[in-house]
Each structure stands twice: as C-alpha cells, then as structure tokens.
Amino acid sequence: MKLPEKSVLLRVFIGESDHCKGKALYEQIVLKARELNLAGATVLRGIMGFGADSRMHSAKILDLSMDLPIIIEIVDTQEKIDLILPFIDEHVVEGLVTIENISVIKYRHS
C-alpha cells in the first residue's frame, strides 16, 4: 500500500476504561480500522491528563487511575478516514476527535 504525501491524521482521545461490545474501546477502534483496510493505527497510553469534565487522570503511584488517557492515531487518505468516522461517532460517547492534514514523508514495510 502506498500513501499519498497529502494524507490525514485522525486522533481519538478517550479513557482507558471506555468499552464497546465487551472489549476496550481503543481495541475496537483499531480492529475496525484494520477491517476497513486503513493504512495504520497506533494506540498511545497517557500518564496524565484531563478532559471536558476537568477530572484529573494520573499514573502516579499515590494517585493510581484505572482510567488513563488513551489516544488512537490513524493515518490514511481523507476518503478512507471518512469510512471509520460513523463508527467513531457511534461509539465514542465521551472524548475528543480531531482530524488534521499531514504530509507523509515515508510509509514502508519490509
């Protein structure tokens, strides 16, 4: 698969405890991206953050949170990203979803 230089980055900010159909929501989003044959997806786990409710989530030992911030990043063309947006809209009940235009420098596998 080749990605055009002008592509799109979709970021989904959710909580680690968010679930969908008995699985972690971040896992369901990545599985859906793979099912739709999107170019790639990465899940990042934050160590600290807060969202619209201003509730702090932290990985500090004295403050162990079971709901750390999760960011899912998906890169592909706008047309392909548009395929997953209905799924995101339906299943992300709380969180933040952003899209930005990016320039792909290299996308290769061995």
C-alpha atoms as a PDB file:
ATOM      1  CA  MET A   1       0.000   0.000   0.000  1.00  0.00           C
ATOM      2  CA  LYS A   2       1.240   3.466  -0.825  1.00  0.00           C
ATOM      3  CA  LEU A   3       0.074   6.593   0.943  1.00  0.00           C
ATOM      4  CA  PRO A   4      -0.055   9.891  -0.912  1.00  0.00           C
ATOM      5  CA  GLU A   5       2.095  12.681   0.504  1.00  0.00           C
ATOM      6  CA  LYS A   6      -1.053  14.645   1.388  1.00  0.00           C
ATOM      7  CA  SER A   7      -2.888  12.471   3.894  1.00  0.00           C
ATOM      8  CA  VAL A   8      -4.952  12.869   7.052  1.00  0.00           C
ATOM      9  CA  LEU A   9      -4.302  12.108  10.727  1.00  0.00           C
ATOM     10  CA  LEU A  10      -7.325  11.144  12.825  1.00  0.00           C
ATOM     11  CA  ARG A  11      -6.827  11.355  16.595  1.00  0.00           C
ATOM     12  CA  VAL A  12      -9.320   9.949  19.080  1.00  0.00           C
ATOM     13  CA  PHE A  13      -8.892  10.852  22.750  1.00  0.00           C
ATOM     14  CA  ILE A  14     -10.770   8.540  25.128  1.00  0.00           C
ATOM     15  CA  GLY A  15     -10.369   6.946  28.546  1.00  0.00           C
ATOM     16  CA  GLU A  16      -8.750   3.601  29.185  1.00  0.00           C
ATOM     17  CA  SER A  17     -11.919   2.337  30.884  1.00  0.00           C
ATOM     18  CA  ASP A  18     -14.162   3.087  27.879  1.00  0.00           C
ATOM     19  CA  HIS A  19     -15.625  -0.137  26.484  1.00  0.00           C
ATOM     20  CA  CYS A  20     -17.634  -1.291  23.493  1.00  0.00           C
ATOM     21  CA  LYS A  21     -19.190  -4.733  22.982  1.00  0.00           C
ATOM     22  CA  GLY A  22     -17.243  -6.255  25.889  1.00  0.00           C
ATOM     23  CA  LYS A  23     -13.800  -5.029  24.739  1.00  0.00           C
ATOM     24  CA  ALA A  24     -11.757  -1.923  25.331  1.00  0.00           C
ATOM     25  CA  LEU A  25     -12.993   0.835  23.016  1.00  0.00           C
ATOM     26  CA  TYR A  26      -9.459   1.553  21.773  1.00  0.00           C
ATOM     27  CA  GLU A  27      -9.159  -2.092  20.735  1.00  0.00           C
ATOM     28  CA  GLN A  28     -12.487  -1.995  18.886  1.00  0.00           C
ATOM     29  CA  ILE A  29     -11.432   1.180  17.038  1.00  0.00           C
ATOM     30  CA  VAL A  30      -8.141  -0.379  15.913  1.00  0.00           C
ATOM     31  CA  LEU A  31      -9.904  -3.589  14.844  1.00  0.00           C
ATOM     32  CA  LYS A  32     -12.422  -1.535  12.849  1.00  0.00           C
ATOM     33  CA  ALA A  33      -9.584   0.420  11.188  1.00  0.00           C
ATOM     34  CA  ARG A  34      -7.932  -2.869  10.199  1.00  0.00           C
ATOM     35  CA  GLU A  35     -11.239  -4.275   8.929  1.00  0.00           C
ATOM     36  CA  LEU A  36     -11.622  -1.167   6.740  1.00  0.00           C
ATOM     37  CA  ASN A  37      -8.065  -1.677   5.442  1.00  0.00           C
ATOM     38  CA  LEU A  38      -6.819   1.685   6.679  1.00  0.00           C
ATOM     39  CA  ALA A  39      -3.083   2.343   6.396  1.00  0.00           C
ATOM     40  CA  GLY A  40      -2.298   2.102  10.102  1.00  0.00           C
ATOM     41  CA  ALA A  41      -3.362   2.773  13.673  1.00  0.00           C
ATOM     42  CA  THR A  42      -1.447   3.307  16.903  1.00  0.00           C
ATOM     43  CA  VAL A  43      -2.706   3.397  20.488  1.00  0.00           C
ATOM     44  CA  LEU A  44      -0.867   5.619  22.971  1.00  0.00           C
ATOM     45  CA  ARG A  45      -1.415   5.493  26.726  1.00  0.00           C
ATOM     46  CA  GLY A  46      -1.035   8.782  28.556  1.00  0.00           C
ATOM     47  CA  ILE A  47       0.440   9.127  32.017  1.00  0.00           C
ATOM     48  CA  MET A  48      -1.573  12.180  32.948  1.00  0.00           C
ATOM     49  CA  GLY A  49      -4.381  14.307  31.583  1.00  0.00           C
ATOM     50  CA  PHE A  50      -7.867  15.728  31.942  1.00  0.00           C
ATOM     51  CA  GLY A  51     -10.776  16.277  29.616  1.00  0.00           C
ATOM     52  CA  ALA A  52     -14.017  18.207  29.338  1.00  0.00           C
ATOM     53  CA  ASP A  53     -15.076  17.254  32.881  1.00  0.00           C
ATOM     54  CA  SER A  54     -11.733  18.594  34.281  1.00  0.00           C
ATOM     55  CA  ARG A  55     -11.274  15.349  36.255  1.00  0.00           C
ATOM     56  CA  MET A  56      -7.548  14.548  36.571  1.00  0.00           C
ATOM     57  CA  HIS A  57      -6.311  11.133  35.416  1.00  0.00           C
ATOM     58  CA  SER A  58      -2.808  10.184  36.536  1.00  0.00           C
ATOM     59  CA  ALA A  59      -0.405   7.252  36.699  1.00  0.00           C
ATOM     60  CA  LYS A  60       1.282   8.494  39.899  1.00  0.00           C
ATOM     61  CA  ILE A  61       1.704   5.744  42.489  1.00  0.00           C
ATOM     62  CA  LEU A  62      -0.318   7.600  45.144  1.00  0.00           C
ATOM     63  CA  ASP A  63      -2.956   8.515  42.609  1.00  0.00           C
ATOM     64  CA  LEU A  64      -3.396   5.309  40.585  1.00  0.00           C
ATOM     65  CA  SER A  65      -6.077   5.781  37.990  1.00  0.00           C
ATOM     66  CA  MET A  66      -7.725   2.936  36.154  1.00  0.00           C
ATOM     67  CA  ASP A  67      -8.875   5.404  33.521  1.00  0.00           C
ATOM     68  CA  LEU A  68      -5.704   6.835  31.998  1.00  0.00           C
ATOM     69  CA  PRO A  69      -5.906   8.876  28.812  1.00  0.00           C
ATOM     70  CA  ILE A  70      -5.760   6.899  25.562  1.00  0.00           C
ATOM     71  CA  ILE A  71      -5.022   8.380  22.135  1.00  0.00           C
ATOM     72  CA  ILE A  72      -5.677   6.410  18.959  1.00  0.00           C
ATOM     73  CA  GLU A  73      -3.931   7.780  15.872  1.00  0.00           C
ATOM     74  CA  ILE A  74      -4.982   6.639  12.402  1.00  0.00           C
ATOM     75  CA  VAL A  75      -3.352   7.836   9.175  1.00  0.00           C
ATOM     76  CA  ASP A  76      -4.792   7.471   5.675  1.00  0.00           C
ATOM     77  CA  THR A  77      -6.438   9.489   2.931  1.00  0.00           C
ATOM     78  CA  GLN A  78      -9.478  11.621   3.748  1.00  0.00           C
ATOM     79  CA  GLU A  79     -11.687   9.206   1.779  1.00  0.00           C
ATOM     80  CA  LYS A  80     -10.512   6.221   3.841  1.00  0.00           C
ATOM     81  CA  ILE A  81     -10.727   8.112   7.159  1.00  0.00           C
ATOM     82  CA  ASP A  82     -14.321   9.033   6.257  1.00  0.00           C
ATOM     83  CA  LEU A  83     -15.134   5.290   6.324  1.00  0.00           C
ATOM     84  CA  ILE A  84     -14.394   4.963  10.048  1.00  0.00           C
ATOM     85  CA  LEU A  85     -15.985   8.230  11.199  1.00  0.00           C
ATOM     86  CA  PRO A  86     -19.526   6.781  11.563  1.00  0.00           C
ATOM     87  CA  PHE A  87     -18.125   4.045  13.845  1.00  0.00           C
ATOM     88  CA  ILE A  88     -16.231   6.654  15.884  1.00  0.00           C
ATOM     89  CA  ASP A  89     -19.309   8.878  16.103  1.00  0.00           C
ATOM     90  CA  GLU A  90     -21.472   5.997  17.296  1.00  0.00           C
ATOM     91  CA  HIS A  91     -19.094   4.522  19.881  1.00  0.00           C
ATOM     92  CA  VAL A  92     -17.120   7.456  21.310  1.00  0.00           C
ATOM     93  CA  VAL A  93     -19.591   8.705  23.902  1.00  0.00           C
ATOM     94  CA  GLU A  94     -17.078  10.872  25.809  1.00  0.00           C
ATOM     95  CA  GLY A  95     -13.828  12.169  24.413  1.00  0.00           C
ATOM     96  CA  LEU A  96     -12.337  14.299  21.665  1.00  0.00           C
ATOM     97  CA  VAL A  97     -11.907  13.523  17.966  1.00  0.00           C
ATOM     98  CA  THR A  98      -9.637  15.619  15.728  1.00  0.00           C
ATOM     99  CA  ILE A  99      -8.530  15.480  12.099  1.00  0.00           C
ATOM    100  CA  GLU A 100      -5.570  17.276  10.616  1.00  0.00           C
ATOM    101  CA  ASN A 101      -3.897  17.353   7.229  1.00  0.00           C
ATOM    102  CA  ILE A 102      -0.400  15.891   7.230  1.00  0.00           C
ATOM    103  CA  SER A 103       2.480  15.325   4.827  1.00  0.00           C
ATOM    104  CA  VAL A 104       3.618  11.699   4.686  1.00  0.00           C
ATOM    105  CA  ILE A 105       7.382  11.536   4.293  1.00  0.00           C
ATOM    106  CA  LYS A 106       7.795   7.765   4.326  1.00  0.00           C
ATOM    107  CA  TYR A 107       5.457   4.772   4.683  1.00  0.00           C
ATOM    108  CA  ARG A 108       7.147   1.434   4.066  1.00  0.00           C
ATOM    109  CA  HIS A 109       7.351  -2.096   5.359  1.00  0.00           C
ATOM    110  CA  SER A 110       9.890  -4.843   4.777  1.00  0.00           C
END
